[in-house]
Amino acid sequence: MPNFTVRTINSTYSAQLELPNEPDADAAHTAGVRGALMIARDEVHAGRTAVAVELIVEDQGGRPVRRSVVSVSVAPLTTDALELRT
């Protein structure tokens, strides 16, 4: 079974995780997305309204095989429109 490394990076946090039990790069990417969402959740909980976490999956040789960004944003909405609907 191949060995993958997932790196997660944003402006305040970086981590590297070895994933020796994932069958392929897509499964490693899915596991990495879960980790990136946990980072984003913590950042939003700390008061940030926009968070982007870069996710890189590398193969055994350290070559990137998947790369993406997980982003979460929180935007306040007015309640005026709700009153107009009723």
N, C-alpha and C. Protein backbone atom coordinates (compact mmCIF):
# COMPACT_ATOMS: atom_id res chain seq x y z
N MET A 1 0.85 -1.18 0.00
CA MET A 1 0.00 0.00 0.00
C MET A 1 0.90 1.24 0.00
N PRO A 2 0.57 2.23 -0.81
CA PRO A 2 1.40 3.44 -0.86
C PRO A 2 1.31 4.24 0.44
N ASN A 3 2.31 5.06 0.65
CA ASN A 3 2.34 5.93 1.82
C ASN A 3 2.20 7.37 1.34
N PHE A 4 1.23 8.10 1.88
CA PHE A 4 0.99 9.48 1.50
C PHE A 4 1.25 10.40 2.68
N THR A 5 1.64 11.62 2.36
CA THR A 5 1.81 12.68 3.35
C THR A 5 0.84 13.80 3.00
N VAL A 6 0.13 14.29 3.99
CA VAL A 6 -0.79 15.42 3.78
C VAL A 6 -0.22 16.61 4.54
N ARG A 7 -0.08 17.72 3.84
CA ARG A 7 0.35 18.97 4.45
C ARG A 7 -0.82 19.95 4.43
N THR A 8 -1.08 20.59 5.55
CA THR A 8 -2.10 21.63 5.63
C THR A 8 -1.41 22.91 6.09
N ILE A 9 -1.74 24.01 5.39
CA ILE A 9 -1.06 25.28 5.65
C ILE A 9 -2.07 26.41 5.55
N ASN A 10 -2.05 27.32 6.51
CA ASN A 10 -2.75 28.60 6.36
C ASN A 10 -1.90 29.67 7.05
N SER A 11 -2.45 30.84 7.23
CA SER A 11 -1.65 31.96 7.73
C SER A 11 -1.22 31.79 9.19
N THR A 12 -1.87 30.93 9.95
CA THR A 12 -1.52 30.78 11.36
C THR A 12 -1.15 29.36 11.75
N TYR A 13 -1.24 28.42 10.83
CA TYR A 13 -1.09 27.02 11.23
C TYR A 13 -0.49 26.22 10.07
N SER A 14 0.34 25.25 10.41
CA SER A 14 0.79 24.28 9.41
C SER A 14 0.97 22.93 10.09
N ALA A 15 0.71 21.87 9.35
CA ALA A 15 0.85 20.53 9.90
C ALA A 15 1.21 19.57 8.78
N GLN A 16 1.79 18.46 9.18
CA GLN A 16 2.14 17.40 8.25
C GLN A 16 1.68 16.10 8.89
N LEU A 17 1.01 15.26 8.12
CA LEU A 17 0.49 14.00 8.64
C LEU A 17 0.83 12.88 7.67
N GLU A 18 1.44 11.82 8.19
CA GLU A 18 1.71 10.63 7.39
C GLU A 18 0.46 9.76 7.39
N LEU A 19 0.06 9.28 6.20
CA LEU A 19 -1.13 8.44 6.07
C LEU A 19 -0.74 7.11 5.40
N PRO A 20 -0.20 6.17 6.17
CA PRO A 20 0.27 4.92 5.57
C PRO A 20 -0.84 3.94 5.20
N ASN A 21 -2.06 4.16 5.68
CA ASN A 21 -3.14 3.19 5.45
C ASN A 21 -4.16 3.61 4.40
N GLU A 22 -3.94 4.73 3.74
CA GLU A 22 -4.88 5.16 2.70
C GLU A 22 -4.54 4.44 1.40
N PRO A 23 -5.55 3.89 0.71
CA PRO A 23 -5.28 3.08 -0.48
C PRO A 23 -4.81 3.86 -1.70
N ASP A 24 -5.19 5.14 -1.78
CA ASP A 24 -4.80 5.93 -2.95
C ASP A 24 -4.81 7.42 -2.61
N ALA A 25 -4.37 8.24 -3.57
CA ALA A 25 -4.27 9.68 -3.35
C ALA A 25 -5.63 10.32 -3.08
N ASP A 26 -6.68 9.81 -3.71
CA ASP A 26 -8.01 10.37 -3.48
C ASP A 26 -8.46 10.16 -2.04
N ALA A 27 -8.20 8.99 -1.49
CA ALA A 27 -8.56 8.71 -0.09
C ALA A 27 -7.72 9.58 0.85
N ALA A 28 -6.45 9.75 0.53
CA ALA A 28 -5.59 10.62 1.35
C ALA A 28 -6.09 12.06 1.29
N HIS A 29 -6.53 12.49 0.11
CA HIS A 29 -7.06 13.84 -0.05
C HIS A 29 -8.32 14.03 0.81
N THR A 30 -9.20 13.05 0.79
CA THR A 30 -10.43 13.12 1.60
C THR A 30 -10.08 13.24 3.08
N ALA A 31 -9.11 12.48 3.54
CA ALA A 31 -8.68 12.57 4.94
C ALA A 31 -8.09 13.96 5.22
N GLY A 32 -7.35 14.48 4.27
CA GLY A 32 -6.78 15.81 4.43
C GLY A 32 -7.83 16.91 4.48
N VAL A 33 -8.89 16.76 3.70
CA VAL A 33 -9.99 17.74 3.72
C VAL A 33 -10.62 17.76 5.11
N ARG A 34 -10.82 16.59 5.69
CA ARG A 34 -11.38 16.55 7.06
C ARG A 34 -10.49 17.32 8.04
N GLY A 35 -9.20 17.14 7.93
CA GLY A 35 -8.26 17.87 8.80
C GLY A 35 -8.30 19.36 8.55
N ALA A 36 -8.37 19.75 7.28
CA ALA A 36 -8.43 21.18 6.93
C ALA A 36 -9.71 21.81 7.47
N LEU A 37 -10.81 21.08 7.42
CA LEU A 37 -12.07 21.60 7.98
C LEU A 37 -11.98 21.78 9.49
N MET A 38 -11.26 20.89 10.16
CA MET A 38 -11.08 21.05 11.60
C MET A 38 -10.26 22.29 11.91
N ILE A 39 -9.23 22.56 11.11
CA ILE A 39 -8.44 23.78 11.28
C ILE A 39 -9.32 25.00 11.06
N ALA A 40 -10.11 24.99 9.98
CA ALA A 40 -10.99 26.11 9.66
C ALA A 40 -12.01 26.33 10.78
N ARG A 41 -12.56 25.25 11.31
CA ARG A 41 -13.52 25.36 12.41
C ARG A 41 -12.90 26.07 13.60
N ASP A 42 -11.68 25.69 13.96
CA ASP A 42 -11.00 26.32 15.09
C ASP A 42 -10.75 27.81 14.83
N GLU A 43 -10.38 28.14 13.60
CA GLU A 43 -10.12 29.54 13.26
C GLU A 43 -11.41 30.38 13.34
N VAL A 44 -12.52 29.84 12.83
CA VAL A 44 -13.81 30.55 12.92
C VAL A 44 -14.23 30.69 14.37
N HIS A 45 -14.04 29.64 15.14
CA HIS A 45 -14.37 29.70 16.56
C HIS A 45 -13.56 30.79 17.28
N ALA A 46 -12.36 31.03 16.80
CA ALA A 46 -11.50 32.06 17.39
C ALA A 46 -11.85 33.47 16.89
N GLY A 47 -12.85 33.59 16.01
CA GLY A 47 -13.31 34.90 15.60
C GLY A 47 -12.98 35.32 14.18
N ARG A 48 -12.25 34.50 13.44
CA ARG A 48 -11.94 34.85 12.05
C ARG A 48 -13.18 34.64 11.19
N THR A 49 -13.41 35.53 10.26
CA THR A 49 -14.60 35.41 9.41
C THR A 49 -14.31 34.79 8.05
N ALA A 50 -13.05 34.67 7.69
CA ALA A 50 -12.67 34.02 6.44
C ALA A 50 -11.39 33.22 6.67
N VAL A 51 -11.44 31.96 6.27
CA VAL A 51 -10.31 31.07 6.49
C VAL A 51 -10.06 30.28 5.21
N ALA A 52 -8.81 30.17 4.82
CA ALA A 52 -8.41 29.31 3.71
C ALA A 52 -7.28 28.42 4.18
N VAL A 53 -7.39 27.15 3.91
CA VAL A 53 -6.37 26.18 4.30
C VAL A 53 -5.92 25.46 3.03
N GLU A 54 -4.64 25.58 2.72
CA GLU A 54 -4.10 24.87 1.57
C GLU A 54 -3.82 23.42 1.97
N LEU A 55 -4.13 22.51 1.07
CA LEU A 55 -3.98 21.09 1.32
C LEU A 55 -3.14 20.49 0.20
N ILE A 56 -2.06 19.82 0.55
CA ILE A 56 -1.18 19.19 -0.43
C ILE A 56 -1.00 17.72 -0.04
N VAL A 57 -1.29 16.83 -0.98
CA VAL A 57 -1.05 15.40 -0.78
C VAL A 57 0.19 15.04 -1.58
N GLU A 58 1.16 14.43 -0.90
CA GLU A 58 2.41 14.02 -1.55
C GLU A 58 2.53 12.51 -1.54
N ASP A 59 3.15 11.97 -2.60
CA ASP A 59 3.39 10.53 -2.64
C ASP A 59 4.64 10.18 -1.83
N GLN A 60 5.03 8.92 -1.87
CA GLN A 60 6.17 8.44 -1.07
C GLN A 60 7.47 9.17 -1.40
N GLY A 61 7.58 9.66 -2.63
CA GLY A 61 8.78 10.37 -3.03
C GLY A 61 8.75 11.85 -2.75
N GLY A 62 7.68 12.33 -2.08
CA GLY A 62 7.56 13.75 -1.77
C GLY A 62 7.02 14.60 -2.90
N ARG A 63 6.53 13.95 -3.96
CA ARG A 63 5.97 14.69 -5.10
C ARG A 63 4.49 15.00 -4.85
N PRO A 64 4.05 16.24 -5.08
CA PRO A 64 2.64 16.56 -4.90
C PRO A 64 1.79 15.84 -5.95
N VAL A 65 0.73 15.17 -5.47
CA VAL A 65 -0.17 14.45 -6.38
C VAL A 65 -1.60 15.01 -6.33
N ARG A 66 -1.93 15.75 -5.30
CA ARG A 66 -3.22 16.45 -5.18
C ARG A 66 -2.95 17.76 -4.45
N ARG A 67 -3.66 18.81 -4.85
CA ARG A 67 -3.51 20.10 -4.19
C ARG A 67 -4.84 20.83 -4.28
N SER A 68 -5.29 21.41 -3.18
CA SER A 68 -6.54 22.15 -3.18
C SER A 68 -6.55 23.14 -2.02
N VAL A 69 -7.60 23.94 -2.00
CA VAL A 69 -7.81 24.88 -0.90
C VAL A 69 -9.19 24.63 -0.33
N VAL A 70 -9.25 24.53 0.98
CA VAL A 70 -10.53 24.44 1.69
C VAL A 70 -10.77 25.82 2.27
N SER A 71 -11.91 26.42 1.94
CA SER A 71 -12.20 27.76 2.45
C SER A 71 -13.55 27.78 3.15
N VAL A 72 -13.60 28.57 4.21
CA VAL A 72 -14.82 28.76 4.99
C VAL A 72 -14.93 30.25 5.27
N SER A 73 -16.12 30.80 5.07
CA SER A 73 -16.33 32.20 5.42
C SER A 73 -17.67 32.36 6.12
N VAL A 74 -17.71 33.35 6.97
CA VAL A 74 -18.92 33.67 7.71
C VAL A 74 -19.23 35.13 7.42
N ALA A 75 -20.41 35.38 6.89
CA ALA A 75 -20.79 36.75 6.56
C ALA A 75 -22.12 37.09 7.23
N PRO A 76 -22.18 38.17 7.96
CA PRO A 76 -23.44 38.55 8.60
C PRO A 76 -24.45 38.99 7.55
N LEU A 77 -25.70 38.67 7.79
CA LEU A 77 -26.80 39.08 6.92
C LEU A 77 -27.76 39.95 7.72
N THR A 78 -28.40 40.85 7.04
CA THR A 78 -29.39 41.67 7.74
C THR A 78 -30.68 40.87 7.88
N THR A 79 -31.47 41.24 8.83
CA THR A 79 -32.75 40.56 9.04
C THR A 79 -33.89 41.32 8.33
N ASP A 80 -33.60 42.46 7.70
CA ASP A 80 -34.63 43.23 7.03
C ASP A 80 -35.37 42.42 5.97
N ALA A 81 -34.64 41.63 5.20
CA ALA A 81 -35.26 40.84 4.13
C ALA A 81 -36.22 39.81 4.70
N LEU A 82 -35.92 39.28 5.87
CA LEU A 82 -36.81 38.30 6.48
C LEU A 82 -38.15 38.93 6.84
N GLU A 83 -38.13 40.16 7.32
CA GLU A 83 -39.37 40.84 7.68
C GLU A 83 -40.24 41.11 6.45
N LEU A 84 -39.61 41.35 5.31
CA LEU A 84 -40.36 41.60 4.09
C LEU A 84 -41.04 40.35 3.56
N ARG A 85 -40.52 39.19 3.85
CA ARG A 85 -41.10 37.92 3.36
C ARG A 85 -42.35 37.53 4.09
N THR A 86 -42.52 37.97 5.31
CA THR A 86 -43.67 37.51 6.10
C THR A 86 -44.91 38.34 5.85
